Amino acid sequence: MADDLWQKSAVELADGIRDKTFSCRDVMASVVARIRALNPDLNAIVYDYTEDALAEARVLDAEV
């Protein structure tokens, strides 16, 4: 299930995080996996801030 979180809408993500169905970290991990799968061919993301995003997700999970 966590692999497809990148496909959910903002409302679905907010609901899932609030209901603790999944975490901010789960969402970011899904997005990062998708980026890593597609970006080598697309070269759309030049600067990789995934570690910063994952760290911020951990902080936000602690606040929820």
C-alpha atoms as a PDB file:
ATOM      1  CA  MET A   1       0.000   0.000   0.000  1.00  0.00           C
ATOM      2  CA  ALA A   2       2.766   2.468   0.831  1.00  0.00           C
ATOM      3  CA  ASP A   3       4.136   2.167  -2.694  1.00  0.00           C
ATOM      4  CA  ASP A   4       1.059   3.806  -4.197  1.00  0.00           C
ATOM      5  CA  LEU A   5       0.739   6.731  -1.788  1.00  0.00           C
ATOM      6  CA  TRP A   6       2.241   9.058  -4.401  1.00  0.00           C
ATOM      7  CA  GLN A   7      -0.983   8.579  -6.405  1.00  0.00           C
ATOM      8  CA  LYS A   8      -3.325   9.851  -3.695  1.00  0.00           C
ATOM      9  CA  SER A   9      -4.828  13.328  -3.647  1.00  0.00           C
ATOM     10  CA  ALA A  10      -3.865  15.929  -1.066  1.00  0.00           C
ATOM     11  CA  VAL A  11      -7.185  15.350   0.707  1.00  0.00           C
ATOM     12  CA  GLU A  12      -6.625  11.576   0.824  1.00  0.00           C
ATOM     13  CA  LEU A  13      -3.112  12.105   2.168  1.00  0.00           C
ATOM     14  CA  ALA A  14      -4.280  14.545   4.834  1.00  0.00           C
ATOM     15  CA  ASP A  15      -7.052  12.168   5.908  1.00  0.00           C
ATOM     16  CA  GLY A  16      -4.691   9.180   6.033  1.00  0.00           C
ATOM     17  CA  ILE A  17      -2.069  11.031   8.039  1.00  0.00           C
ATOM     18  CA  ARG A  18      -4.667  12.420  10.447  1.00  0.00           C
ATOM     19  CA  ASP A  19      -6.259   8.975  10.874  1.00  0.00           C
ATOM     20  CA  LYS A  20      -2.780   7.420  11.247  1.00  0.00           C
ATOM     21  CA  THR A  21      -3.444   5.048   8.335  1.00  0.00           C
ATOM     22  CA  PHE A  22       0.042   5.994   7.171  1.00  0.00           C
ATOM     23  CA  SER A  23       2.694   8.501   8.186  1.00  0.00           C
ATOM     24  CA  CYS A  24       4.288  11.528   6.561  1.00  0.00           C
ATOM     25  CA  ARG A  25       7.425   9.400   6.265  1.00  0.00           C
ATOM     26  CA  ASP A  26       5.448   6.711   4.403  1.00  0.00           C
ATOM     27  CA  VAL A  27       4.168   9.315   1.957  1.00  0.00           C
ATOM     28  CA  MET A  28       7.623  10.763   1.350  1.00  0.00           C
ATOM     29  CA  ALA A  29       9.145   7.305   0.944  1.00  0.00           C
ATOM     30  CA  SER A  30       6.545   6.556  -1.730  1.00  0.00           C
ATOM     31  CA  VAL A  31       7.280   9.815  -3.546  1.00  0.00           C
ATOM     32  CA  VAL A  32      11.039   9.241  -3.319  1.00  0.00           C
ATOM     33  CA  ALA A  33      10.685   5.720  -4.723  1.00  0.00           C
ATOM     34  CA  ARG A  34       8.661   7.063  -7.638  1.00  0.00           C
ATOM     35  CA  ILE A  35      11.194   9.808  -8.322  1.00  0.00           C
ATOM     36  CA  ARG A  36      14.074   7.343  -8.226  1.00  0.00           C
ATOM     37  CA  ALA A  37      12.243   5.015 -10.596  1.00  0.00           C
ATOM     38  CA  LEU A  38      11.471   7.659 -13.229  1.00  0.00           C
ATOM     39  CA  ASN A  39      13.990  10.456 -12.906  1.00  0.00           C
ATOM     40  CA  PRO A  40      16.959   8.681 -14.521  1.00  0.00           C
ATOM     41  CA  ASP A  41      15.054   8.691 -17.823  1.00  0.00           C
ATOM     42  CA  LEU A  42      13.306  12.035 -17.358  1.00  0.00           C
ATOM     43  CA  ASN A  43      16.100  14.008 -15.699  1.00  0.00           C
ATOM     44  CA  ALA A  44      13.372  16.305 -14.392  1.00  0.00           C
ATOM     45  CA  ILE A  45      14.784  16.691 -10.884  1.00  0.00           C
ATOM     46  CA  VAL A  46      18.277  18.090 -10.870  1.00  0.00           C
ATOM     47  CA  TYR A  47      18.824  18.784  -7.181  1.00  0.00           C
ATOM     48  CA  ASP A  48      18.133  15.893  -4.831  1.00  0.00           C
ATOM     49  CA  TYR A  49      16.691  17.014  -1.507  1.00  0.00           C
ATOM     50  CA  THR A  50      15.227  13.651  -0.536  1.00  0.00           C
ATOM     51  CA  GLU A  51      17.173  13.359   2.711  1.00  0.00           C
ATOM     52  CA  ASP A  52      15.923  16.797   3.784  1.00  0.00           C
ATOM     53  CA  ALA A  53      12.354  15.863   2.862  1.00  0.00           C
ATOM     54  CA  LEU A  54      12.539  12.563   4.755  1.00  0.00           C
ATOM     55  CA  ALA A  55      13.980  14.322   7.808  1.00  0.00           C
ATOM     56  CA  GLU A  56      11.182  16.899   7.694  1.00  0.00           C
ATOM     57  CA  ALA A  57       8.620  14.092   7.397  1.00  0.00           C
ATOM     58  CA  ARG A  58      10.009  12.526  10.591  1.00  0.00           C
ATOM     59  CA  VAL A  59       9.645  15.868  12.380  1.00  0.00           C
ATOM     60  CA  LEU A  60       6.076  16.247  11.162  1.00  0.00           C
ATOM     61  CA  ASP A  61       5.202  12.695  12.227  1.00  0.00           C
ATOM     62  CA  ALA A  62       6.348  13.566  15.743  1.00  0.00           C
ATOM     63  CA  GLU A  63       4.016  16.594  15.709  1.00  0.00           C
ATOM     64  CA  VAL A  64       0.934  14.663  14.548  1.00  0.00           C
END
